[in-house]
C-alpha atoms as a PDB file:
ATOM      1  CA  MET A   1      -5.570  12.293  11.032  1.00  0.00           C
ATOM      2  CA  GLY A   2      -3.092   9.562  10.215  1.00  0.00           C
ATOM      3  CA  LYS A   3       0.617   9.833  10.649  1.00  0.00           C
ATOM      4  CA  ASN A   4       3.179  10.383   7.916  1.00  0.00           C
ATOM      5  CA  LYS A   5       6.170   8.082   7.522  1.00  0.00           C
ATOM      6  CA  THR A   6       8.518   6.524   4.989  1.00  0.00           C
ATOM      7  CA  ILE A   7       8.049   2.834   4.236  1.00  0.00           C
ATOM      8  CA  THR A   8       9.967   0.235   2.231  1.00  0.00           C
ATOM      9  CA  GLY A   9       8.279  -2.832   0.873  1.00  0.00           C
ATOM     10  CA  ILE A  10       7.406  -5.041  -2.069  1.00  0.00           C
ATOM     11  CA  VAL A  11       4.484  -4.308  -4.394  1.00  0.00           C
ATOM     12  CA  VAL A  12       1.995  -7.194  -4.528  1.00  0.00           C
ATOM     13  CA  TYR A  13      -1.200  -7.870  -6.448  1.00  0.00           C
ATOM     14  CA  LYS A  14      -3.920  -9.512  -4.381  1.00  0.00           C
ATOM     15  CA  ASN A  15      -6.624 -11.391  -6.251  1.00  0.00           C
ATOM     16  CA  ILE A  16      -9.282 -10.775  -3.613  1.00  0.00           C
ATOM     17  CA  GLY A  17     -12.665  -9.491  -4.762  1.00  0.00           C
ATOM     18  CA  MET A  18     -12.009  -7.345  -7.833  1.00  0.00           C
ATOM     19  CA  GLY A  19      -8.261  -7.475  -7.116  1.00  0.00           C
ATOM     20  CA  PHE A  20      -5.991  -4.696  -5.865  1.00  0.00           C
ATOM     21  CA  TRP A  21      -2.376  -3.582  -5.501  1.00  0.00           C
ATOM     22  CA  GLY A  22      -0.755  -3.380  -2.082  1.00  0.00           C
ATOM     23  CA  ILE A  23       2.645  -3.030  -0.466  1.00  0.00           C
ATOM     24  CA  GLU A  24       4.010  -5.645   1.935  1.00  0.00           C
ATOM     25  CA  GLY A  25       6.652  -4.385   4.320  1.00  0.00           C
ATOM     26  CA  LEU A  26       9.914  -6.136   5.004  1.00  0.00           C
ATOM     27  CA  LYS A  27       8.654  -7.041   8.506  1.00  0.00           C
ATOM     28  CA  GLY A  28       5.248  -8.289   7.350  1.00  0.00           C
ATOM     29  CA  GLU A  29       3.347  -5.000   7.416  1.00  0.00           C
ATOM     30  CA  GLN A  30       0.541  -4.531   4.871  1.00  0.00           C
ATOM     31  CA  TRP A  31      -0.371  -1.187   3.303  1.00  0.00           C
ATOM     32  CA  LEU A  32      -3.200  -0.525   0.867  1.00  0.00           C
ATOM     33  CA  PRO A  33      -2.384   2.610  -1.178  1.00  0.00           C
ATOM     34  CA  VAL A  34      -5.402   4.490  -2.517  1.00  0.00           C
ATOM     35  CA  ASN A  35      -3.225   6.203  -5.146  1.00  0.00           C
ATOM     36  CA  LEU A  36      -0.495   3.755  -6.199  1.00  0.00           C
ATOM     37  CA  PRO A  37       1.051   5.198  -9.389  1.00  0.00           C
ATOM     38  CA  LYS A  38       0.695   3.005 -12.494  1.00  0.00           C
ATOM     39  CA  SER A  39       4.500   3.008 -12.771  1.00  0.00           C
ATOM     40  CA  MET A  40       4.651   1.069  -9.477  1.00  0.00           C
ATOM     41  CA  GLU A  41       2.064  -1.568 -10.440  1.00  0.00           C
ATOM     42  CA  GLN A  42       4.676  -4.296 -10.896  1.00  0.00           C
ATOM     43  CA  GLU A  43       4.505  -7.493  -8.851  1.00  0.00           C
ATOM     44  CA  GLY A  44       7.674  -7.872  -6.781  1.00  0.00           C
ATOM     45  CA  LYS A  45       8.910  -4.289  -7.273  1.00  0.00           C
ATOM     46  CA  ARG A  46      10.750  -2.955  -4.214  1.00  0.00           C
ATOM     47  CA  VAL A  47       9.643   0.581  -3.345  1.00  0.00           C
ATOM     48  CA  THR A  48      10.407   3.242  -0.749  1.00  0.00           C
ATOM     49  CA  VAL A  49       7.671   5.859  -0.469  1.00  0.00           C
ATOM     50  CA  LYS A  50       6.401   8.511   1.925  1.00  0.00           C
ATOM     51  CA  ILE A  51       2.869   7.731   3.048  1.00  0.00           C
ATOM     52  CA  LYS A  52       0.092   9.161   5.162  1.00  0.00           C
ATOM     53  CA  GLU A  53      -2.045   6.644   7.047  1.00  0.00           C
ATOM     54  CA  LEU A  54      -5.762   7.121   6.412  1.00  0.00           C
ATOM     55  CA  ASP A  55      -8.663   6.528   8.761  1.00  0.00           C
ATOM     56  CA  GLY A  56     -11.293   4.009   7.751  1.00  0.00           C
ATOM     57  CA  GLU A  57     -11.439   0.570   6.225  1.00  0.00           C
ATOM     58  CA  SER A  58     -11.509  -0.635   2.656  1.00  0.00           C
ATOM     59  CA  MET A  59     -13.852  -3.211   1.202  1.00  0.00           C
ATOM     60  CA  PHE A  60     -10.848  -5.530   0.777  1.00  0.00           C
ATOM     61  CA  MET A  61     -10.258  -5.933   4.527  1.00  0.00           C
ATOM     62  CA  TRP A  62      -6.492  -6.058   3.917  1.00  0.00           C
ATOM     63  CA  GLY A  63      -3.777  -3.793   5.214  1.00  0.00           C
ATOM     64  CA  THR A  64      -3.766  -0.201   6.424  1.00  0.00           C
ATOM     65  CA  MET A  65      -5.179   2.308   3.946  1.00  0.00           C
ATOM     66  CA  VAL A  66      -2.553   4.897   3.011  1.00  0.00           C
ATOM     67  CA  GLN A  67      -2.043   7.767   0.617  1.00  0.00           C
ATOM     68  CA  ILE A  68       1.323   7.973  -1.129  1.00  0.00           C
ATOM     69  CA  MET A  69       2.736  11.455  -0.622  1.00  0.00           C
ATOM     70  CA  GLU A  70       6.008  11.053  -2.609  1.00  0.00           C
END
């Protein structure tokens, strides 16, 4: 099981493969949310969310897969 934590970062759209939304942390971290709300799908939007890190890898090979809890 992954750990839960609160993160702050900037929403980014990556045009890799079919394209996807991610969150880049203020210290260079990369998170790949599996359930990013449509309301957050805005390039450059600063967000603070509670996440749970997920085991496994995505087909995008970018960032740590996470589930947004709040």
